[in-house]
Amino acid sequence: MDTIKELFYGNIHPFERDVPKDSEGDKLNQLIIRHTATLKSTLNEQEMQIVAKLKDALTEQSSLCECEGFINGFRLGVRLMAESFYGGE
C-alpha cells in the first residue's frame, strides 16, 4: 500500500527517467542537439520558430504515446495478477 500512497501524494513520477550516459537514448539526445544546432545556424528566426513548434508538437505526441503505453501496461499487469489469483478464465 505504500506505493499507492506515494503515487497519490505525487512522490512517484513514472514518466521521469534518467537517461544513462552512453545509452541509446543519450546518443539520440546528442544527435538531436547537434541537428538543432545545425538548424539554428542555417535558419532565420521565423523558420526556427516553426521548428520549435514542430519540436513541441512531437514532444506532446510522444508524451501522449507514453501515457497510453503506461496505462496499457498497468492494465495488463493487473489482468495478469488477477489471472494468477483467480485462474485464467
Protein backbone atom coordinates (compact mmCIF):
# COMPACT_ATOMS: atom_id res chain seq x y z
CA MET A 1 0.00 0.00 0.00
CA ASP A 2 2.93 2.39 0.43
CA THR A 3 3.40 2.60 -3.34
CA ILE A 4 -0.21 3.67 -3.82
CA LYS A 5 0.17 6.40 -1.18
CA GLU A 6 3.42 7.58 -2.73
CA LEU A 7 1.75 7.73 -6.13
CA PHE A 8 -1.25 9.60 -4.68
CA TYR A 9 0.94 12.19 -2.96
CA GLY A 10 2.92 12.77 -6.13
CA ASN A 11 6.16 11.23 -4.90
CA ILE A 12 6.33 8.72 -7.75
CA HIS A 13 6.77 10.08 -11.26
CA PRO A 14 6.60 7.14 -13.69
CA PHE A 15 7.21 9.44 -16.65
CA GLU A 16 10.55 10.69 -15.32
CA ARG A 17 13.57 8.58 -16.08
CA ASP A 18 17.28 9.19 -16.04
CA VAL A 19 18.99 8.63 -19.36
CA PRO A 20 22.22 6.74 -18.66
CA LYS A 21 25.34 8.20 -20.27
CA ASP A 22 26.36 6.47 -23.49
CA SER A 23 22.99 4.68 -23.74
CA GLU A 24 20.97 4.62 -26.96
CA GLY A 25 18.73 7.34 -25.53
CA ASP A 26 21.72 9.51 -24.67
CA LYS A 27 23.16 9.06 -28.15
CA LEU A 28 19.83 10.06 -29.70
CA ASN A 29 19.63 13.12 -27.44
CA GLN A 30 23.13 14.18 -28.52
CA LEU A 31 22.15 13.70 -32.17
CA ILE A 32 19.06 15.87 -31.69
CA ILE A 33 21.18 18.57 -30.03
CA ARG A 34 23.69 18.53 -32.91
CA HIS A 35 20.98 18.71 -35.58
CA THR A 36 19.21 21.52 -33.71
CA ALA A 37 22.46 23.49 -33.56
CA THR A 38 22.94 22.97 -37.32
CA LEU A 39 19.41 24.20 -37.98
CA LYS A 40 19.92 27.26 -35.78
CA SER A 41 22.95 28.23 -37.84
CA THR A 42 21.12 27.94 -41.17
CA LEU A 43 17.55 29.10 -40.47
CA ASN A 44 16.18 32.54 -39.82
CA GLU A 45 14.18 33.41 -36.69
CA GLN A 46 10.77 32.71 -38.26
CA GLU A 47 11.91 29.32 -39.53
CA MET A 48 13.36 28.46 -36.11
CA GLN A 49 10.00 29.30 -34.53
CA ILE A 50 8.38 26.79 -36.88
CA VAL A 51 10.98 24.17 -35.91
CA ALA A 52 10.35 24.92 -32.22
CA LYS A 53 6.60 24.45 -32.72
CA LEU A 54 7.24 21.17 -34.53
CA LYS A 55 9.52 20.01 -31.72
CA ASP A 56 6.87 20.93 -29.11
CA ALA A 57 4.17 19.03 -31.05
CA LEU A 58 6.40 15.97 -31.35
CA THR A 59 7.17 16.10 -27.62
CA GLU A 60 3.46 16.29 -26.82
CA GLN A 61 2.71 13.40 -29.16
CA SER A 62 5.46 11.34 -27.55
CA SER A 63 4.08 12.11 -24.08
CA LEU A 64 0.61 11.00 -25.13
CA CYS A 65 2.01 7.75 -26.55
CA GLU A 66 4.00 7.11 -23.37
CA CYS A 67 0.91 7.74 -21.26
CA GLU A 68 -1.13 5.28 -23.32
CA GLY A 69 1.68 2.73 -23.07
CA PHE A 70 1.81 3.17 -19.28
CA ILE A 71 -1.95 2.75 -18.97
CA ASN A 72 -1.97 -0.33 -21.20
CA GLY A 73 0.98 -1.86 -19.36
CA PHE A 74 -0.63 -1.20 -16.00
CA ARG A 75 -3.90 -2.77 -17.12
CA LEU A 76 -2.06 -5.79 -18.48
CA GLY A 77 -0.19 -6.17 -15.18
CA VAL A 78 -3.45 -6.03 -13.23
CA ARG A 79 -5.03 -8.63 -15.54
CA LEU A 80 -2.01 -10.91 -15.12
CA MET A 81 -2.23 -10.59 -11.32
CA ALA A 82 -5.98 -11.24 -11.37
CA GLU A 83 -5.48 -14.33 -13.51
CA SER A 84 -2.74 -15.61 -11.25
CA PHE A 85 -5.06 -15.31 -8.22
CA TYR A 86 -8.38 -16.34 -9.75
CA GLY A 87 -7.47 -18.55 -12.68
CA GLY A 88 -7.14 -17.90 -16.38
CA GLU A 89 -10.78 -17.95 -17.37
